[in-house]
Protein backbone atom coordinates (compact mmCIF):
# COMPACT_ATOMS: atom_id res chain seq x y z
CA MET A 1 2.48 44.98 52.95
CA ASN A 2 1.51 42.87 49.93
CA VAL A 3 -2.05 42.01 49.83
CA HIS A 4 -3.18 39.41 47.31
CA ALA A 5 -6.59 39.52 46.01
CA PRO A 6 -8.36 35.91 46.29
CA ILE A 7 -8.57 33.95 42.93
CA THR A 8 -11.80 32.73 41.39
CA LEU A 9 -11.70 29.08 41.89
CA THR A 10 -12.30 26.78 38.76
CA VAL A 11 -14.73 24.43 38.84
CA ALA A 12 -11.94 21.56 39.39
CA GLU A 13 -10.36 23.41 42.28
CA GLN A 14 -13.92 23.94 44.05
CA ALA A 15 -14.56 20.49 43.82
CA LEU A 16 -11.07 19.61 45.38
CA LEU A 17 -11.64 21.82 48.40
CA ASP A 18 -15.28 20.68 48.69
CA ALA A 19 -14.02 17.12 48.68
CA PHE A 20 -11.62 17.79 51.40
CA ASP A 21 -14.10 19.56 53.47
CA ALA A 22 -16.17 16.45 53.13
CA ALA A 23 -13.52 14.13 53.99
CA ALA A 24 -11.90 16.11 56.66
CA GLY A 25 -13.55 13.96 59.57
CA GLU A 26 -12.35 10.57 57.94
CA LEU A 27 -8.75 11.63 56.85
CA PRO A 28 -6.39 9.58 58.94
CA GLY A 29 -3.77 11.42 61.15
CA ASP A 30 -3.02 13.11 64.49
CA ALA A 31 -2.71 16.88 65.26
CA ALA A 32 0.42 17.07 63.32
CA VAL A 33 -0.94 15.30 60.31
CA ILE A 34 -4.19 17.32 60.23
CA SER A 35 -2.11 20.64 60.21
CA ALA A 36 0.10 19.25 57.49
CA ARG A 37 -2.91 18.42 55.54
CA ASP A 38 -4.28 22.10 56.13
CA ARG A 39 -1.13 23.48 55.26
CA LEU A 40 -0.90 21.72 51.66
CA LEU A 41 -4.44 22.50 50.69
CA HIS A 42 -4.03 26.04 51.68
CA ALA A 43 -1.69 26.84 48.94
CA VAL A 44 -4.60 25.51 46.57
CA ARG A 45 -7.19 27.81 48.34
CA VAL A 46 -4.87 30.88 47.74
CA GLU A 47 -2.97 30.18 44.79
CA GLY A 48 -5.04 27.45 42.81
CA LEU A 49 -3.46 24.96 40.60
CA PRO A 50 -0.39 25.83 38.59
CA THR A 51 -0.67 27.85 35.39
CA ARG A 52 1.60 28.30 32.39
CA ARG A 53 2.84 31.16 34.63
CA VAL A 54 4.86 28.56 37.01
CA GLU A 55 8.05 27.30 35.01
CA ALA A 56 7.81 23.73 35.62
CA TRP A 57 4.12 23.52 34.62
CA HIS A 58 4.53 25.82 31.47
CA TYR A 59 3.65 23.11 29.10
CA THR A 60 1.03 21.37 31.21
CA ASP A 61 -1.42 23.92 32.64
CA LEU A 62 -3.12 22.07 35.05
CA ARG A 63 -5.81 24.77 36.11
CA ALA A 64 -6.98 24.64 32.54
CA LEU A 65 -6.41 20.88 31.85
CA LEU A 66 -7.98 19.74 34.88
CA ARG A 67 -11.71 20.64 33.81
CA ALA A 68 -13.46 18.27 36.53
CA VAL A 69 -12.79 16.28 39.73
CA PRO A 70 -14.95 13.35 40.16
CA ALA A 71 -16.43 12.73 43.71
CA VAL A 72 -15.06 10.03 45.77
CA ASP A 73 -17.27 7.09 45.50
CA PRO A 74 -17.37 5.09 48.53
CA ALA A 75 -19.09 2.32 46.65
CA ALA A 76 -16.44 1.76 44.36
CA SER A 77 -14.87 -1.58 44.54
CA THR A 78 -11.98 -3.40 42.54
CA ARG A 79 -9.71 -6.06 42.68
CA THR A 80 -6.31 -7.25 41.99
CA VAL A 81 -5.35 -8.11 38.21
CA ALA A 82 -3.06 -10.82 36.86
CA PRO A 83 0.35 -9.62 37.57
CA LEU A 84 2.61 -8.58 34.89
CA VAL A 85 5.05 -11.00 35.15
CA ASP A 86 4.01 -14.33 36.16
CA GLY A 87 5.22 -15.49 39.83
CA ALA A 88 5.45 -11.80 40.91
CA HIS A 89 4.50 -11.24 44.74
CA VAL A 90 1.55 -8.84 44.37
CA LEU A 91 0.84 -6.24 46.90
CA SER A 92 -2.16 -4.08 46.35
CA ILE A 93 -3.73 -0.63 46.68
CA LEU A 94 -7.31 -1.12 45.66
CA ASP A 95 -9.44 1.98 45.70
CA GLY A 96 -7.07 3.83 47.83
CA LYS A 97 -6.98 0.95 50.70
CA ALA A 98 -3.95 -1.22 51.15
CA SER A 99 -3.42 -4.87 51.67
CA ILE A 100 -0.18 -5.74 53.69
CA LYS A 101 -0.61 -9.43 52.30
CA GLY A 102 1.57 -10.95 50.03
CA ALA A 103 5.34 -9.95 50.72
CA PRO A 104 8.20 -12.47 50.14
CA LYS A 105 10.40 -13.29 53.01
CA GLY A 106 12.73 -10.65 53.93
CA VAL A 107 10.27 -7.70 52.83
CA ALA A 108 8.45 -5.63 55.56
CA VAL A 109 5.44 -4.02 54.71
CA ALA A 110 3.55 -1.80 56.74
CA SER A 111 0.33 0.37 56.28
CA TYR A 112 1.04 4.10 55.50
CA GLY A 113 -2.48 4.77 56.74
CA ALA A 114 -1.15 3.41 60.31
CA ALA A 115 1.74 5.87 60.02
CA LEU A 116 -0.60 8.63 59.35
CA GLU A 117 -2.96 7.83 62.29
CA ASP A 118 -0.04 7.62 64.71
CA GLY A 119 1.40 10.92 63.49
CA SER A 120 4.73 9.44 62.28
CA ALA A 121 3.84 10.20 58.70
CA ALA A 122 3.75 14.14 59.55
CA SER A 123 7.07 15.25 58.09
CA ASP A 124 6.10 13.20 54.52
CA LEU A 125 3.44 15.73 54.15
CA ALA A 126 5.47 18.65 53.05
CA ASP A 127 5.78 20.14 49.39
CA ARG A 128 8.86 20.50 47.31
CA GLY A 129 7.97 24.10 46.56
CA ARG A 130 5.48 26.43 44.86
CA ASP A 131 5.53 23.73 41.93
CA ASP A 132 4.58 20.89 43.66
CA ALA A 133 1.12 20.59 43.00
CA ILE A 134 1.24 16.75 42.94
CA GLY A 135 3.03 16.82 46.37
CA ARG A 136 0.25 19.00 47.88
CA LEU A 137 -2.82 17.49 46.39
CA ASN A 138 -1.45 13.80 47.66
CA GLY A 139 -0.48 14.99 50.96
CA ALA A 140 -3.81 16.39 51.74
CA PHE A 141 -5.91 13.60 50.69
CA VAL A 142 -3.81 10.43 50.86
CA LYS A 143 -5.55 7.82 53.49
CA ASP A 144 -3.35 4.65 52.74
CA GLY A 145 -0.30 3.16 51.09
CA LEU A 146 2.63 0.74 51.50
CA SER A 147 5.94 1.42 53.30
CA LEU A 148 8.41 -1.64 52.15
CA THR A 149 11.70 -2.11 53.54
CA ILE A 150 13.58 -4.76 51.47
CA GLY A 151 16.29 -6.39 53.67
CA SER A 152 19.43 -8.23 52.87
CA ASP A 153 17.97 -11.80 53.42
CA ALA A 154 14.91 -10.98 51.20
CA ASP A 155 13.70 -13.62 48.80
CA LEU A 156 13.51 -11.83 45.47
CA GLU A 157 13.89 -14.60 42.89
CA ASN A 158 10.75 -13.11 41.36
CA PRO A 159 9.88 -9.36 41.10
CA ILE A 160 7.60 -7.68 43.66
CA GLU A 161 4.66 -5.60 41.86
CA VAL A 162 2.59 -3.20 43.67
CA GLN A 163 -0.92 -2.73 41.84
CA VAL A 164 -2.72 0.20 42.70
CA VAL A 165 -5.95 -0.29 40.97
CA GLN A 166 -8.85 2.24 40.95
CA ALA A 167 -12.59 1.81 39.67
CA ARG A 168 -13.93 5.65 39.49
CA GLY A 169 -13.92 8.49 41.90
CA GLN A 170 -10.53 9.31 43.71
CA SER A 171 -7.30 7.43 44.96
CA HIS A 172 -4.52 8.99 46.63
CA ALA A 173 -1.76 6.59 47.88
CA ARG A 174 1.93 6.67 49.29
CA LEU A 175 4.48 4.39 48.82
CA PRO A 176 7.76 4.61 50.65
CA VAL A 177 10.47 2.09 49.51
CA ARG A 178 13.88 1.53 51.15
CA VAL A 179 16.12 -1.04 49.74
CA ASP A 180 19.07 -1.91 52.27
CA GLU A 181 22.56 -2.10 51.13
CA GLY A 182 23.74 -5.01 48.95
CA VAL A 183 20.34 -5.90 47.85
CA THR A 184 19.29 -6.86 44.27
CA ALA A 185 15.70 -6.38 43.70
CA THR A 186 13.02 -5.88 40.67
CA LEU A 187 9.91 -3.80 41.57
CA ILE A 188 7.03 -2.98 39.71
CA GLU A 189 4.63 -0.33 40.47
CA ARG A 190 1.65 -0.78 38.54
CA HIS A 191 -1.52 1.76 37.64
CA VAL A 192 -4.47 0.27 36.33
CA SER A 193 -7.78 1.46 36.02
CA SER A 194 -11.07 -1.18 36.27
CA ASP A 195 -13.82 0.88 35.18
CA THR A 196 -14.65 3.49 32.28
CA ALA A 197 -16.16 6.11 34.66
CA PRO A 198 -13.50 9.04 35.21
CA SER A 199 -11.01 8.78 38.01
CA LEU A 200 -8.43 11.42 39.66
CA VAL A 201 -5.43 9.12 40.92
CA THR A 202 -2.30 10.80 42.64
CA ALA A 203 0.68 8.63 43.79
CA VAL A 204 3.82 9.54 45.42
CA THR A 205 6.70 7.40 45.81
CA ASP A 206 9.67 7.80 47.92
CA LEU A 207 12.54 5.45 46.83
CA THR A 208 15.88 4.90 48.74
CA VAL A 209 18.66 2.79 47.28
CA GLY A 210 21.26 1.71 49.86
CA LYS A 211 24.99 1.37 49.47
CA GLY A 212 25.93 -1.00 46.68
CA ALA A 213 22.32 -2.30 45.88
CA ASP A 214 21.18 -2.98 42.45
CA VAL A 215 17.50 -1.95 41.88
CA THR A 216 15.47 -2.32 38.92
CA TYR A 217 12.16 -0.07 39.33
CA VAL A 218 9.14 -0.12 36.57
CA ILE A 219 6.26 1.94 36.73
CA VAL A 220 3.42 0.67 34.43
CA GLN A 221 0.57 3.36 34.07
CA GLN A 222 -2.38 1.85 32.30
CA GLN A 223 -5.16 4.44 33.71
CA GLY A 224 -8.56 4.49 31.61
CA GLU A 225 -9.00 6.85 28.78
CA ALA A 226 -11.15 9.19 30.84
CA ASP A 227 -8.75 9.25 33.82
CA SER A 228 -6.30 11.89 35.34
CA HIS A 229 -2.96 10.57 36.61
CA LEU A 230 -0.78 12.73 38.85
CA GLY A 231 2.48 10.76 39.91
CA GLN A 232 5.43 11.65 41.48
CA ILE A 233 8.52 9.40 42.20
CA ARG A 234 11.46 10.93 44.49
CA PHE A 235 14.77 8.71 44.77
CA THR A 236 18.33 8.67 46.38
CA ILE A 237 20.90 6.39 45.19
CA GLY A 238 23.80 5.65 47.77
CA GLU A 239 27.58 5.13 47.19
CA GLU A 240 28.32 2.40 44.27
CA ALA A 241 24.76 1.94 43.86
CA LYS A 242 22.79 1.39 40.66
CA LEU A 243 19.20 1.94 39.90
CA THR A 244 17.54 1.22 36.92
CA LEU A 245 14.10 3.17 36.30
CA PHE A 246 11.81 2.14 33.49
CA VAL A 247 8.77 4.20 33.03
CA ILE A 248 5.83 3.05 30.24
CA ASN A 249 2.76 5.81 30.03
CA ALA A 250 0.01 3.73 27.96
CA GLY A 251 -3.04 5.30 29.48
CA GLY A 252 -4.93 8.20 31.14
CA LYS A 253 -6.33 11.20 29.42
CA LEU A 254 -4.46 13.76 31.76
CA VAL A 255 -0.94 12.45 32.94
CA ARG A 256 1.89 14.18 34.63
CA GLN A 257 4.68 11.80 35.80
CA GLU A 258 7.14 13.59 37.93
CA ILE A 259 10.77 12.17 38.49
CA HIS A 260 13.10 13.59 40.89
CA GLY A 261 16.22 12.31 42.08
CA ALA A 262 19.81 12.66 43.20
CA VAL A 263 22.83 10.77 43.39
CA VAL A 264 24.38 11.13 47.02
CA GLY A 265 27.17 8.40 47.04
CA GLU A 266 30.10 8.36 44.94
CA GLY A 267 30.08 5.40 42.31
CA ALA A 268 26.13 5.79 42.08
CA ASP A 269 24.39 5.41 38.69
CA LEU A 270 21.16 6.00 37.24
CA THR A 271 19.81 4.61 34.06
CA LEU A 272 16.24 5.87 32.96
CA ARG A 273 14.42 4.85 30.29
CA ALA A 274 10.61 5.98 29.43
CA VAL A 275 8.36 5.14 26.73
CA ASN A 276 5.28 7.56 26.35
CA LEU A 277 2.43 6.38 24.12
CA MET A 278 -0.23 8.91 23.34
CA GLY A 279 -3.22 8.85 21.24
CA GLY A 280 -6.68 10.65 20.73
CA GLU A 281 -6.62 14.09 23.01
CA THR A 282 -4.61 13.00 25.59
CA HIS A 283 -1.74 14.95 27.38
CA THR A 284 1.09 13.42 28.63
CA ASP A 285 3.80 15.07 30.76
CA VAL A 286 6.94 13.57 32.04
CA THR A 287 8.94 16.04 33.99
CA PHE A 288 12.62 15.03 35.63
CA THR A 289 15.01 16.46 37.45
CA MET A 290 18.29 14.88 38.74
CA GLY A 291 21.06 16.31 41.22
CA HIS A 292 24.43 14.93 40.77
CA ASP A 293 25.73 16.13 44.27
CA VAL A 294 28.94 14.17 44.85
CA PRO A 295 31.91 13.02 42.69
CA ASN A 296 32.34 10.01 40.42
CA THR A 297 28.61 9.42 39.33
CA THR A 298 26.96 8.57 36.10
CA SER A 299 23.58 8.90 34.64
CA THR A 300 21.75 8.30 31.23
CA GLU A 301 18.50 8.98 30.56
CA ILE A 302 16.55 8.23 26.97
CA ILE A 303 12.85 9.03 26.53
CA ARG A 304 11.07 7.56 23.46
CA ASN A 305 7.29 9.25 22.74
CA VAL A 306 4.87 7.95 20.18
CA LEU A 307 2.10 10.28 19.35
CA PHE A 308 -1.05 9.62 17.02
CA ASP A 309 -4.24 11.66 16.59
CA ARG A 310 -4.37 14.96 18.56
CA ALA A 311 -2.17 13.97 21.49
CA ARG A 312 -0.18 16.31 23.35
CA GLY A 313 3.11 15.17 24.96
CA VAL A 314 5.63 17.20 26.99
CA PHE A 315 8.98 15.98 28.31
CA GLN A 316 11.09 18.43 30.64
CA GLY A 317 14.53 17.14 31.79
CA GLN A 318 16.91 18.95 34.06
CA ILE A 319 20.36 17.63 34.96
CA ARG A 320 22.09 19.70 37.74
CA VAL A 321 25.86 19.24 38.48
CA ALA A 322 26.83 20.40 41.84
CA PRO A 323 30.37 22.14 42.31
CA ASP A 324 31.84 19.41 44.27
CA ALA A 325 30.60 16.80 41.73
CA GLN A 326 33.49 16.57 39.78
CA LYS A 327 34.17 13.43 36.96
CA THR A 328 30.39 13.43 36.48
CA ASP A 329 29.13 11.55 33.14
CA ALA A 330 25.65 12.55 32.37
CA LYS A 331 23.70 12.17 29.17
CA MET A 332 20.00 12.56 28.25
CA ALA A 333 18.09 12.19 25.19
CA CYS A 334 14.59 12.83 24.04
CA ASN A 335 13.09 10.90 20.79
CA THR A 336 9.77 11.24 19.23
CA LEU A 337 7.74 9.57 16.71
CA LEU A 338 5.02 12.24 15.71
CA LEU A 339 2.50 10.22 13.60
CA SER A 340 -0.16 13.10 12.94
CA ASP A 341 0.01 16.78 11.98
CA ASP A 342 -2.41 17.51 14.67
CA ALA A 343 -0.36 16.06 17.25
CA ASP A 344 2.52 18.32 19.30
CA LEU A 345 5.29 17.30 21.43
CA SER A 346 7.17 20.18 23.81
CA ALA A 347 10.72 19.00 24.80
CA LYS A 348 12.74 21.13 27.20
CA PRO A 349 16.06 19.47 28.04
CA GLU A 350 18.41 21.40 30.40
CA LEU A 351 21.68 21.18 31.70
CA GLU A 352 23.20 23.30 35.06
CA ILE A 353 26.72 22.48 35.52
CA PHE A 354 28.82 24.22 38.18
CA ALA A 355 31.64 21.82 38.09
CA ASP A 356 34.52 21.65 35.41
CA ASP A 357 35.69 18.33 34.83
CA VAL A 358 32.40 16.62 33.59
CA GLN A 359 30.95 15.02 30.46
CA CYS A 360 27.29 16.02 30.10
CA GLY A 361 25.25 16.26 26.87
CA HIS A 362 21.11 16.33 25.93
CA GLY A 363 19.48 16.17 23.04
CA ALA A 364 16.05 16.05 21.17
CA THR A 365 14.50 14.80 18.00
CA VAL A 366 11.13 14.75 16.32
CA ALA A 367 10.46 12.29 13.18
CA ASP A 368 7.94 10.56 11.28
CA ILE A 369 8.48 7.24 10.14
CA ASP A 370 11.46 6.58 8.20
CA PRO A 371 10.08 6.40 4.57
CA THR A 372 13.33 4.29 3.35
CA GLN A 373 12.56 1.60 6.04
CA PHE A 374 8.58 1.91 5.21
CA TYR A 375 9.22 1.38 1.73
CA TYR A 376 12.09 -1.46 2.24
CA LEU A 377 9.26 -3.66 4.18
CA GLN A 378 6.48 -3.00 1.52
CA ALA A 379 9.13 -4.13 -1.06
CA ARG A 380 9.12 -7.43 0.80
CA GLY A 381 5.36 -8.04 0.81
CA ILE A 382 4.55 -6.77 4.12
CA PRO A 383 1.42 -4.70 4.16
CA ALA A 384 1.63 -1.05 4.84
CA PRO A 385 -0.27 -1.08 8.32
CA LYS A 386 1.90 -4.13 9.34
CA ALA A 387 5.03 -2.46 8.43
CA ARG A 388 4.07 0.89 10.18
CA ALA A 389 3.31 -1.18 13.34
CA LEU A 390 6.80 -3.23 13.06
CA LEU A 391 8.61 0.22 12.91
CA ILE A 392 7.12 1.77 15.68
CA LYS A 393 7.61 -1.35 17.73
CA ALA A 394 11.05 -1.34 16.85
CA PHE A 395 11.53 2.41 17.90
CA VAL A 396 10.17 1.60 21.44
CA ALA A 397 11.30 -1.87 21.77
CA GLU A 398 14.87 -0.57 21.47
CA VAL A 399 14.77 0.81 25.00
CA VAL A 400 12.95 -2.13 26.24
CA GLU A 401 15.27 -4.70 25.27
CA GLU A 402 18.03 -2.95 27.44
CA LEU A 403 16.56 -4.75 30.42
CA ASP A 404 18.35 -7.63 31.40
CA ASP A 405 15.27 -9.65 32.23
CA GLU A 406 13.62 -11.60 29.69
CA PRO A 407 10.33 -12.19 31.32
CA LEU A 408 10.08 -8.48 32.18
CA VAL A 409 10.95 -7.35 28.54
CA GLU A 410 8.28 -9.70 27.40
CA ALA A 411 5.57 -8.35 29.41
CA LEU A 412 6.55 -4.64 28.96
CA GLU A 413 6.53 -5.51 25.19
CA GLY A 414 3.01 -6.98 25.49
CA VAL A 415 1.91 -3.76 27.05
CA ILE A 416 2.98 -1.94 24.21
CA GLU A 417 1.67 -3.99 21.76
CA THR A 418 -1.68 -4.09 23.35
CA TRP A 419 -1.73 -0.12 23.51
CA LEU A 420 -0.81 -0.24 19.54
CA ASP A 421 -3.53 -2.81 18.61
CA ARG A 422 -6.11 -0.26 20.12
CA HIS A 423 -4.77 2.81 18.52
CA SER A 424 -5.01 3.41 14.47
CA ILE A 425 -1.62 2.94 12.81
């Protein structure tokens, strides 16, 4: 029999366990939910947070990087912000508390807290394995969230924006989203900090794209400079369905955004685009896994990173092609502008292919501003700082402009410009 010696907990790990013990009587849930929470946090008690020895966290040693955990602050109070796109239908999760008001016709919204209370959410509270620190923490602490079902009769002329706004302390939210067959929809999941005090935010989204649906899903992360943000989206794409997933990380001190997906119906297509903006001493990690499980499916992934100062970035991308998934077409690229000698980016693209009739590829590039382009702009009277800014914006705007929605493109470009204006260029 193997006996494992108990680990010595870090300050952050002990703070998490203390916070759970203190909140245990207030966390919603029946006996099944309580049992699931205990199982999830037991792994933290026994193993601690993942270190470099866990392959999926090799470049983001969470145990070392998460040095402190802010206490839950019951006095924290915030409010919604102006929507990213004018006219968007705004749903909110404020300081971990969801509101079901604001949904358009044809969109059913329910409180995830109610599903915890009656036990129907118990099956959701399971991790994806030893490397699922985000699922464990979120499942242990989640109090509320929003469950969305977008029906075929939904009025979706304008986007739906779910705002997760946190003032300080901790926030843990769930967002199950189901898009029914044949629906075309745009959804924005936006994470915003309204206070300069540190926050720990975890968020888990489960997205199901029904047969023939066409969904644009945008995640905009704008946490504060002292915040830790641990996000995860898990999705499945049905037959002849299309998912365009766009992610912008433009905030946070410690960020891990996981993207785990599978195409489960023939003719399914994923388009993933991500922009990661990093400055100061931030650490931003985007980890992506994609499973092609059936024949005749496609996916393309392009990640653009911009790093200043002493920032550290990570991209891990893995595409898996099952033995039966013939005629798969999957391509992945990670492109980085490294604008400081002290900044660092680790890229780890992977392919696991078990079928023989496929077209798959991956690549990664790291570079500074092109000196020829920089000289060209200066030679035409553009000052050096302005020329530099134009080239950086062009680098990231190239993927933003692929979205076929002008108001959304303008809004995302505004997020990028606002971030760049705050950093030395």
